[in-house]
Amino acid sequence: MQISRDAEGLRFIGEWDPESGFVAGDIRCVGCGRRIEPHVDSRDISLVCTVCGTKKNFWAEAEMQVFLAENWSRLRQACTHPTVAIHRSL
């Protein structure tokens, strides 16, 4: 089952399967659906959409990694939410 979570203009998309568990997938722009890759440069550390310009800036690469880890963790936690369990059993 595909599961997603929106945060600050970004959509985190993952797959959940009872046998294999949660697998992180893509990060996409909420506005246009384009895939977003982390951009790390000494002057610019960000997640940016090259089509519509949606951008999330960070002070350091470590801050970006924490942001990504927290959002993937929240999506993983959503897989165990009771409403997901109900849909699984149908």
PDB file of N, CA and C in Angstrom:
ATOM      1  N   MET A   1       0.842  -1.161   0.000  1.00  0.00           N
ATOM      2  CA  MET A   1       0.000   0.000   0.000  1.00  0.00           C
ATOM      3  C   MET A   1       0.898   1.238   0.000  1.00  0.00           C
ATOM      4  N   GLN A   2       0.551   2.199  -0.847  1.00  0.00           N
ATOM      5  CA  GLN A   2       1.299   3.449  -0.887  1.00  0.00           C
ATOM      6  C   GLN A   2       0.734   4.389   0.173  1.00  0.00           C
ATOM      7  N   ILE A   3       1.630   5.088   0.874  1.00  0.00           N
ATOM      8  CA  ILE A   3       1.229   6.022   1.918  1.00  0.00           C
ATOM      9  C   ILE A   3       2.053   7.291   1.734  1.00  0.00           C
ATOM     10  N   SER A   4       1.440   8.452   2.033  1.00  0.00           N
ATOM     11  CA  SER A   4       2.170   9.710   1.858  1.00  0.00           C
ATOM     12  C   SER A   4       1.855  10.678   2.989  1.00  0.00           C
ATOM     13  N   ARG A   5       2.726  11.672   3.111  1.00  0.00           N
ATOM     14  CA  ARG A   5       2.585  12.718   4.118  1.00  0.00           C
ATOM     15  C   ARG A   5       3.109  14.010   3.532  1.00  0.00           C
ATOM     16  N   ASP A   6       2.338  15.093   3.698  1.00  0.00           N
ATOM     17  CA  ASP A   6       2.748  16.405   3.213  1.00  0.00           C
ATOM     18  C   ASP A   6       3.353  17.216   4.353  1.00  0.00           C
ATOM     19  N   ALA A   7       4.452  17.906   4.060  1.00  0.00           N
ATOM     20  CA  ALA A   7       5.105  18.766   5.047  1.00  0.00           C
ATOM     21  C   ALA A   7       5.840  19.885   4.323  1.00  0.00           C
ATOM     22  N   GLU A   8       5.441  21.124   4.587  1.00  0.00           N
ATOM     23  CA  GLU A   8       6.118  22.316   4.077  1.00  0.00           C
ATOM     24  C   GLU A   8       6.302  22.314   2.561  1.00  0.00           C
ATOM     25  N   GLY A   9       5.248  21.955   1.836  1.00  0.00           N
ATOM     26  CA  GLY A   9       5.285  21.971   0.378  1.00  0.00           C
ATOM     27  C   GLY A   9       5.899  20.735  -0.252  1.00  0.00           C
ATOM     28  N   LEU A  10       6.255  19.760   0.570  1.00  0.00           N
ATOM     29  CA  LEU A  10       6.876  18.525   0.096  1.00  0.00           C
ATOM     30  C   LEU A  10       5.968  17.340   0.422  1.00  0.00           C
ATOM     31  N   ARG A  11       5.952  16.354  -0.444  1.00  0.00           N
ATOM     32  CA  ARG A  11       5.163  15.144  -0.209  1.00  0.00           C
ATOM     33  C   ARG A  11       6.119  13.955  -0.114  1.00  0.00           C
ATOM     34  N   PHE A  12       6.142  13.339   1.057  1.00  0.00           N
ATOM     35  CA  PHE A  12       6.954  12.150   1.300  1.00  0.00           C
ATOM     36  C   PHE A  12       6.098  10.941   0.964  1.00  0.00           C
ATOM     37  N   ILE A  13       6.573  10.095   0.050  1.00  0.00           N
ATOM     38  CA  ILE A  13       5.807   8.943  -0.415  1.00  0.00           C
ATOM     39  C   ILE A  13       6.588   7.672  -0.114  1.00  0.00           C
ATOM     40  N   GLY A  14       5.910   6.713   0.507  1.00  0.00           N
ATOM     41  CA  GLY A  14       6.540   5.441   0.822  1.00  0.00           C
ATOM     42  C   GLY A  14       5.588   4.288   0.559  1.00  0.00           C
ATOM     43  N   GLU A  15       6.099   3.097   0.679  1.00  0.00           N
ATOM     44  CA  GLU A  15       5.309   1.870   0.513  1.00  0.00           C
ATOM     45  C   GLU A  15       5.272   1.144   1.843  1.00  0.00           C
ATOM     46  N   TRP A  16       4.124   0.562   2.146  1.00  0.00           N
ATOM     47  CA  TRP A  16       3.992  -0.233   3.356  1.00  0.00           C
ATOM     48  C   TRP A  16       3.384  -1.575   3.001  1.00  0.00           C
ATOM     49  N   ASP A  17       4.002  -2.622   3.507  1.00  0.00           N
ATOM     50  CA  ASP A  17       3.537  -3.985   3.276  1.00  0.00           C
ATOM     51  C   ASP A  17       3.651  -4.730   4.603  1.00  0.00           C
ATOM     52  N   PRO A  18       2.630  -5.491   4.991  1.00  0.00           N
ATOM     53  CA  PRO A  18       2.699  -6.196   6.283  1.00  0.00           C
ATOM     54  C   PRO A  18       3.911  -7.123   6.409  1.00  0.00           C
ATOM     55  N   GLU A  19       4.350  -7.733   5.309  1.00  0.00           N
ATOM     56  CA  GLU A  19       5.483  -8.657   5.360  1.00  0.00           C
ATOM     57  C   GLU A  19       6.827  -7.939   5.396  1.00  0.00           C
ATOM     58  N   SER A  20       6.999  -6.943   4.541  1.00  0.00           N
ATOM     59  CA  SER A  20       8.304  -6.277   4.442  1.00  0.00           C
ATOM     60  C   SER A  20       8.400  -4.997   5.258  1.00  0.00           C
ATOM     61  N   GLY A  21       7.285  -4.454   5.728  1.00  0.00           N
ATOM     62  CA  GLY A  21       7.299  -3.227   6.517  1.00  0.00           C
ATOM     63  C   GLY A  21       7.310  -1.982   5.649  1.00  0.00           C
ATOM     64  N   PHE A  22       7.867  -0.903   6.180  1.00  0.00           N
ATOM     65  CA  PHE A  22       7.881   0.391   5.513  1.00  0.00           C
ATOM     66  C   PHE A  22       9.137   0.558   4.666  1.00  0.00           C
ATOM     67  N   VAL A  23       8.964   1.083   3.452  1.00  0.00           N
ATOM     68  CA  VAL A  23      10.087   1.400   2.567  1.00  0.00           C
ATOM     69  C   VAL A  23       9.907   2.846   2.088  1.00  0.00           C
ATOM     70  N   ALA A  24      10.886   3.691   2.414  1.00  0.00           N
ATOM     71  CA  ALA A  24      10.832   5.090   1.971  1.00  0.00           C
ATOM     72  C   ALA A  24      10.951   5.148   0.456  1.00  0.00           C
ATOM     73  N   GLY A  25      10.209   6.073  -0.153  1.00  0.00           N
ATOM     74  CA  GLY A  25      10.225   6.211  -1.605  1.00  0.00           C
ATOM     75  C   GLY A  25      10.755   7.557  -2.040  1.00  0.00           C
ATOM     76  N   ASP A  26       9.894   8.345  -2.666  1.00  0.00           N
ATOM     77  CA  ASP A  26      10.278   9.639  -3.230  1.00  0.00           C
ATOM     78  C   ASP A  26       9.827  10.799  -2.360  1.00  0.00           C
ATOM     79  N   ILE A  27      10.439  11.935  -2.628  1.00  0.00           N
ATOM     80  CA  ILE A  27       9.955  13.221  -2.123  1.00  0.00           C
ATOM     81  C   ILE A  27       9.515  13.985  -3.360  1.00  0.00           C
ATOM     82  N   ARG A  28       8.276  14.450  -3.359  1.00  0.00           N
ATOM     83  CA  ARG A  28       7.731  15.169  -4.511  1.00  0.00           C
ATOM     84  C   ARG A  28       7.201  16.531  -4.072  1.00  0.00           C
ATOM     85  N   CYS A  29       7.122  17.441  -5.033  1.00  0.00           N
ATOM     86  CA  CYS A  29       6.559  18.770  -4.806  1.00  0.00           C
ATOM     87  C   CYS A  29       5.042  18.637  -4.700  1.00  0.00           C
ATOM     88  N   VAL A  30       4.445  19.231  -3.678  1.00  0.00           N
ATOM     89  CA  VAL A  30       2.995  19.188  -3.527  1.00  0.00           C
ATOM     90  C   VAL A  30       2.326  19.968  -4.652  1.00  0.00           C
ATOM     91  N   GLY A  31       2.938  21.065  -5.083  1.00  0.00           N
ATOM     92  CA  GLY A  31       2.351  21.922  -6.114  1.00  0.00           C
ATOM     93  C   GLY A  31       2.282  21.314  -7.497  1.00  0.00           C
ATOM     94  N   CYS A  32       3.379  20.706  -7.952  1.00  0.00           N
ATOM     95  CA  CYS A  32       3.410  20.216  -9.335  1.00  0.00           C
ATOM     96  C   CYS A  32       3.673  18.716  -9.465  1.00  0.00           C
ATOM     97  N   GLY A  33       4.030  18.046  -8.375  1.00  0.00           N
ATOM     98  CA  GLY A  33       4.253  16.610  -8.417  1.00  0.00           C
ATOM     99  C   GLY A  33       5.635  16.173  -8.862  1.00  0.00           C
ATOM    100  N   ARG A  34       6.513  17.120  -9.130  1.00  0.00           N
ATOM    101  CA  ARG A  34       7.875  16.812  -9.597  1.00  0.00           C
ATOM    102  C   ARG A  34       8.718  16.215  -8.463  1.00  0.00           C
ATOM    103  N   ARG A  35       9.566  15.252  -8.802  1.00  0.00           N
ATOM    104  CA  ARG A  35      10.457  14.643  -7.819  1.00  0.00           C
ATOM    105  C   ARG A  35      11.495  15.652  -7.353  1.00  0.00           C
ATOM    106  N   ILE A  36      11.773  15.665  -6.046  1.00  0.00           N
ATOM    107  CA  ILE A  36      12.716  16.609  -5.453  1.00  0.00           C
ATOM    108  C   ILE A  36      13.914  15.855  -4.905  1.00  0.00           C
ATOM    109  N   GLU A  37      15.089  16.326  -5.265  1.00  0.00           N
ATOM    110  CA  GLU A  37      16.343  15.750  -4.783  1.00  0.00           C
ATOM    111  C   GLU A  37      16.995  16.749  -3.819  1.00  0.00           C
ATOM    112  N   PRO A  38      17.649  16.261  -2.766  1.00  0.00           N
ATOM    113  CA  PRO A  38      18.390  17.172  -1.880  1.00  0.00           C
ATOM    114  C   PRO A  38      19.513  17.873  -2.649  1.00  0.00           C
ATOM    115  N   HIS A  39      19.690  19.168  -2.405  1.00  0.00           N
ATOM    116  CA  HIS A  39      20.731  19.970  -3.042  1.00  0.00           C
ATOM    117  C   HIS A  39      21.684  20.438  -1.948  1.00  0.00           C
ATOM    118  N   VAL A  40      22.930  20.027  -2.045  1.00  0.00           N
ATOM    119  CA  VAL A  40      23.914  20.413  -1.035  1.00  0.00           C
ATOM    120  C   VAL A  40      25.085  21.097  -1.730  1.00  0.00           C
ATOM    121  N   ASP A  41      25.256  22.364  -1.399  1.00  0.00           N
ATOM    122  CA  ASP A  41      26.344  23.199  -1.914  1.00  0.00           C
ATOM    123  C   ASP A  41      26.790  24.045  -0.720  1.00  0.00           C
ATOM    124  N   SER A  42      27.991  24.506  -0.715  1.00  0.00           N
ATOM    125  CA  SER A  42      28.476  25.273   0.438  1.00  0.00           C
ATOM    126  C   SER A  42      27.636  26.521   0.707  1.00  0.00           C
ATOM    127  N   ARG A  43      26.995  27.073  -0.327  1.00  0.00           N
ATOM    128  CA  ARG A  43      26.177  28.276  -0.160  1.00  0.00           C
ATOM    129  C   ARG A  43      24.678  27.988  -0.159  1.00  0.00           C
ATOM    130  N   ASP A  44      24.283  26.782  -0.537  1.00  0.00           N
ATOM    131  CA  ASP A  44      22.852  26.476  -0.668  1.00  0.00           C
ATOM    132  C   ASP A  44      22.581  25.023  -0.293  1.00  0.00           C
ATOM    133  N   ILE A  45      21.949  24.842   0.851  1.00  0.00           N
ATOM    134  CA  ILE A  45      21.537  23.507   1.295  1.00  0.00           C
ATOM    135  C   ILE A  45      20.020  23.539   1.324  1.00  0.00           C
ATOM    136  N   SER A  46      19.388  22.783   0.419  1.00  0.00           N
ATOM    137  CA  SER A  46      17.938  22.896   0.295  1.00  0.00           C
ATOM    138  C   SER A  46      17.323  21.684  -0.381  1.00  0.00           C
ATOM    139  N   LEU A  47      16.001  21.654  -0.303  1.00  0.00           N
ATOM    140  CA  LEU A  47      15.170  20.766  -1.099  1.00  0.00           C
ATOM    141  C   LEU A  47      14.393  21.707  -1.998  1.00  0.00           C
ATOM    142  N   VAL A  48      14.596  21.622  -3.317  1.00  0.00           N
ATOM    143  CA  VAL A  48      13.997  22.597  -4.225  1.00  0.00           C
ATOM    144  C   VAL A  48      13.373  21.907  -5.434  1.00  0.00           C
ATOM    145  N   CYS A  49      12.204  22.403  -5.842  1.00  0.00           N
ATOM    146  CA  CYS A  49      11.549  21.927  -7.057  1.00  0.00           C
ATOM    147  C   CYS A  49      12.073  22.749  -8.227  1.00  0.00           C
ATOM    148  N   THR A  50      12.619  22.081  -9.227  1.00  0.00           N
ATOM    149  CA  THR A  50      13.180  22.789 -10.365  1.00  0.00           C
ATOM    150  C   THR A  50      12.115  23.300 -11.326  1.00  0.00           C
ATOM    151  N   VAL A  51      10.865  22.864 -11.156  1.00  0.00           N
ATOM    152  CA  VAL A  51       9.796  23.308 -12.047  1.00  0.00           C
ATOM    153  C   VAL A  51       9.085  24.541 -11.498  1.00  0.00           C
ATOM    154  N   CYS A  52       8.525  24.443 -10.282  1.00  0.00           N
ATOM    155  CA  CYS A  52       7.723  25.559  -9.765  1.00  0.00           C
ATOM    156  C   CYS A  52       8.453  26.410  -8.723  1.00  0.00           C
ATOM    157  N   GLY A  53       9.630  25.972  -8.270  1.00  0.00           N
ATOM    158  CA  GLY A  53      10.429  26.785  -7.360  1.00  0.00           C
ATOM    159  C   GLY A  53      10.146  26.598  -5.880  1.00  0.00           C
ATOM    160  N   THR A  54       9.265  25.673  -5.495  1.00  0.00           N
ATOM    161  CA  THR A  54       9.043  25.401  -4.074  1.00  0.00           C
ATOM    162  C   THR A  54      10.387  25.035  -3.459  1.00  0.00           C
ATOM    163  N   LYS A  55      10.703  25.656  -2.301  1.00  0.00           N
ATOM    164  CA  LYS A  55      12.030  25.460  -1.735  1.00  0.00           C
ATOM    165  C   LYS A  55      11.986  25.435  -0.214  1.00  0.00           C
ATOM    166  N   LYS A  56      12.718  24.527   0.364  1.00  0.00           N
ATOM    167  CA  LYS A  56      12.905  24.442   1.810  1.00  0.00           C
ATOM    168  C   LYS A  56      14.401  24.571   2.053  1.00  0.00           C
ATOM    169  N   ASN A  57      14.802  25.669   2.697  1.00  0.00           N
ATOM    170  CA  ASN A  57      16.218  25.943   2.963  1.00  0.00           C
ATOM    171  C   ASN A  57      16.631  25.452   4.341  1.00  0.00           C
ATOM    172  N   PHE A  58      17.911  25.138   4.480  1.00  0.00           N
ATOM    173  CA  PHE A  58      18.472  24.680   5.748  1.00  0.00           C
ATOM    174  C   PHE A  58      19.781  25.410   6.013  1.00  0.00           C
ATOM    175  N   TRP A  59      20.120  25.548   7.302  1.00  0.00           N
ATOM    176  CA  TRP A  59      21.369  26.197   7.691  1.00  0.00           C
ATOM    177  C   TRP A  59      22.562  25.276   7.488  1.00  0.00           C
ATOM    178  N   ALA A  60      22.322  23.959   7.642  1.00  0.00           N
ATOM    179  CA  ALA A  60      23.424  22.995   7.524  1.00  0.00           C
ATOM    180  C   ALA A  60      22.882  21.674   6.970  1.00  0.00           C
ATOM    181  N   GLU A  61      23.772  20.883   6.415  1.00  0.00           N
ATOM    182  CA  GLU A  61      23.364  19.588   5.879  1.00  0.00           C
ATOM    183  C   GLU A  61      22.788  18.696   6.983  1.00  0.00           C
ATOM    184  N   ALA A  62      23.350  18.805   8.186  1.00  0.00           N
ATOM    185  CA  ALA A  62      22.842  18.007   9.310  1.00  0.00           C
ATOM    186  C   ALA A  62      21.386  18.369   9.613  1.00  0.00           C
ATOM    187  N   GLU A  63      21.046  19.651   9.528  1.00  0.00           N
ATOM    188  CA  GLU A  63      19.663  20.083   9.756  1.00  0.00           C
ATOM    189  C   GLU A  63      18.728  19.468   8.713  1.00  0.00           C
ATOM    190  N   MET A  64      19.165  19.418   7.456  1.00  0.00           N
ATOM    191  CA  MET A  64      18.357  18.817   6.402  1.00  0.00           C
ATOM    192  C   MET A  64      18.169  17.324   6.658  1.00  0.00           C
ATOM    193  N   GLN A  65      19.240  16.648   7.077  1.00  0.00           N
ATOM    194  CA  GLN A  65      19.153  15.215   7.356  1.00  0.00           C
ATOM    195  C   GLN A  65      18.185  14.929   8.502  1.00  0.00           C
ATOM    196  N   VAL A  66      18.175  15.779   9.523  1.00  0.00           N
ATOM    197  CA  VAL A  66      17.236  15.626  10.644  1.00  0.00           C
ATOM    198  C   VAL A  66      15.804  15.834  10.149  1.00  0.00           C
ATOM    199  N   PHE A  67      15.577  16.856   9.331  1.00  0.00           N
ATOM    200  CA  PHE A  67      14.249  17.123   8.765  1.00  0.00           C
ATOM    201  C   PHE A  67      13.746  15.913   7.975  1.00  0.00           C
ATOM    202  N   LEU A  68      14.607  15.353   7.125  1.00  0.00           N
ATOM    203  CA  LEU A  68      14.229  14.187   6.325  1.00  0.00           C
ATOM    204  C   LEU A  68      13.944  12.982   7.223  1.00  0.00           C
ATOM    205  N   ALA A  69      14.815  12.729   8.182  1.00  0.00           N
ATOM    206  CA  ALA A  69      14.633  11.583   9.084  1.00  0.00           C
ATOM    207  C   ALA A  69      13.345  11.703   9.884  1.00  0.00           C
ATOM    208  N   GLU A  70      13.039  12.910  10.387  1.00  0.00           N
ATOM    209  CA  GLU A  70      11.814  13.105  11.159  1.00  0.00           C
ATOM    210  C   GLU A  70      10.570  12.866  10.316  1.00  0.00           C
ATOM    211  N   ASN A  71      10.578  13.345   9.079  1.00  0.00           N
ATOM    212  CA  ASN A  71       9.401  13.166   8.225  1.00  0.00           C
ATOM    213  C   ASN A  71       9.233  11.718   7.773  1.00  0.00           C
ATOM    214  N   TRP A  72      10.339  11.021   7.476  1.00  0.00           N
ATOM    215  CA  TRP A  72      10.222   9.600   7.147  1.00  0.00           C
ATOM    216  C   TRP A  72       9.742   8.821   8.365  1.00  0.00           C
ATOM    217  N   SER A  73      10.191   9.206   9.552  1.00  0.00           N
ATOM    218  CA  SER A  73       9.760   8.537  10.781  1.00  0.00           C
ATOM    219  C   SER A  73       8.260   8.736  11.022  1.00  0.00           C
ATOM    220  N   ARG A  74       7.774   9.949  10.808  1.00  0.00           N
ATOM    221  CA  ARG A  74       6.332  10.213  10.975  1.00  0.00           C
ATOM    222  C   ARG A  74       5.502   9.398   9.990  1.00  0.00           C
ATOM    223  N   LEU A  75       5.994   9.270   8.776  1.00  0.00           N
ATOM    224  CA  LEU A  75       5.281   8.471   7.779  1.00  0.00           C
ATOM    225  C   LEU A  75       5.300   6.991   8.177  1.00  0.00           C
ATOM    226  N   ARG A  76       6.427   6.512   8.667  1.00  0.00           N
ATOM    227  CA  ARG A  76       6.544   5.129   9.135  1.00  0.00           C
ATOM    228  C   ARG A  76       5.580   4.887  10.295  1.00  0.00           C
ATOM    229  N   GLN A  77       5.487   5.841  11.231  1.00  0.00           N
ATOM    230  CA  GLN A  77       4.579   5.719  12.367  1.00  0.00           C
ATOM    231  C   GLN A  77       3.124   5.687  11.921  1.00  0.00           C
ATOM    232  N   ALA A  78       2.810   6.395  10.848  1.00  0.00           N
ATOM    233  CA  ALA A  78       1.436   6.417  10.340  1.00  0.00           C
ATOM    234  C   ALA A  78       0.990   5.033   9.869  1.00  0.00           C
ATOM    235  N   CYS A  79       1.938   4.194   9.485  1.00  0.00           N
ATOM    236  CA  CYS A  79       1.609   2.835   9.027  1.00  0.00           C
ATOM    237  C   CYS A  79       0.981   2.003  10.129  1.00  0.00           C
ATOM    238  N   THR A  80       1.261   2.334  11.392  1.00  0.00           N
ATOM    239  CA  THR A  80       0.713   1.572  12.508  1.00  0.00           C
ATOM    240  C   THR A  80      -0.527   2.238  13.109  1.00  0.00           C
ATOM    241  N   HIS A  81      -0.982   3.336  12.515  1.00  0.00           N
ATOM    242  CA  HIS A  81      -2.171   4.027  13.007  1.00  0.00           C
ATOM    243  C   HIS A  81      -3.383   3.101  12.870  1.00  0.00           C
ATOM    244  N   PRO A  82      -4.316   3.145  13.813  1.00  0.00           N
ATOM    245  CA  PRO A  82      -5.485   2.244  13.762  1.00  0.00           C
ATOM    246  C   PRO A  82      -6.288   2.302  12.466  1.00  0.00           C
ATOM    247  N   THR A  83      -6.391   3.472  11.829  1.00  0.00           N
ATOM    248  CA  THR A  83      -7.157   3.535  10.587  1.00  0.00           C
ATOM    249  C   THR A  83      -6.473   2.782   9.477  1.00  0.00           C
ATOM    250  N   VAL A  84      -5.148   2.739   9.486  1.00  0.00           N
ATOM    251  CA  VAL A  84      -4.424   1.959   8.479  1.00  0.00           C
ATOM    252  C   VAL A  84      -4.653   0.471   8.722  1.00  0.00           C
ATOM    253  N   ALA A  85      -4.665   0.066   9.991  1.00  0.00           N
ATOM    254  CA  ALA A  85      -4.923  -1.333  10.331  1.00  0.00           C
ATOM    255  C   ALA A  85      -6.315  -1.763   9.874  1.00  0.00           C
ATOM    256  N   ILE A  86      -7.293  -0.878   9.987  1.00  0.00           N
ATOM    257  CA  ILE A  86      -8.654  -1.188   9.531  1.00  0.00           C
ATOM    258  C   ILE A  86      -8.665  -1.397   8.038  1.00  0.00           C
ATOM    259  N   HIS A  87      -8.011  -0.541   7.267  1.00  0.00           N
ATOM    260  CA  HIS A  87      -7.981  -0.665   5.813  1.00  0.00           C
ATOM    261  C   HIS A  87      -7.240  -1.937   5.381  1.00  0.00           C
ATOM    262  N   ARG A  88      -6.222  -2.318   6.132  1.00  0.00           N
ATOM    263  CA  ARG A  88      -5.465  -3.526   5.835  1.00  0.00           C
ATOM    264  C   ARG A  88      -6.340  -4.759   5.916  1.00  0.00           C
ATOM    265  N   SER A  89      -7.246  -4.770   6.898  1.00  0.00           N
ATOM    266  CA  SER A  89      -8.049  -5.963   7.139  1.00  0.00           C
ATOM    267  C   SER A  89      -9.209  -6.109   6.172  1.00  0.00           C
ATOM    268  N   LEU A  90      -9.520  -5.074   5.376  1.00  0.00           N
ATOM    269  CA  LEU A  90     -10.645  -5.141   4.437  1.00  0.00           C
ATOM    270  C   LEU A  90     -10.326  -5.943   3.206  1.00  0.00           C
TER     271      LEU A  90
END
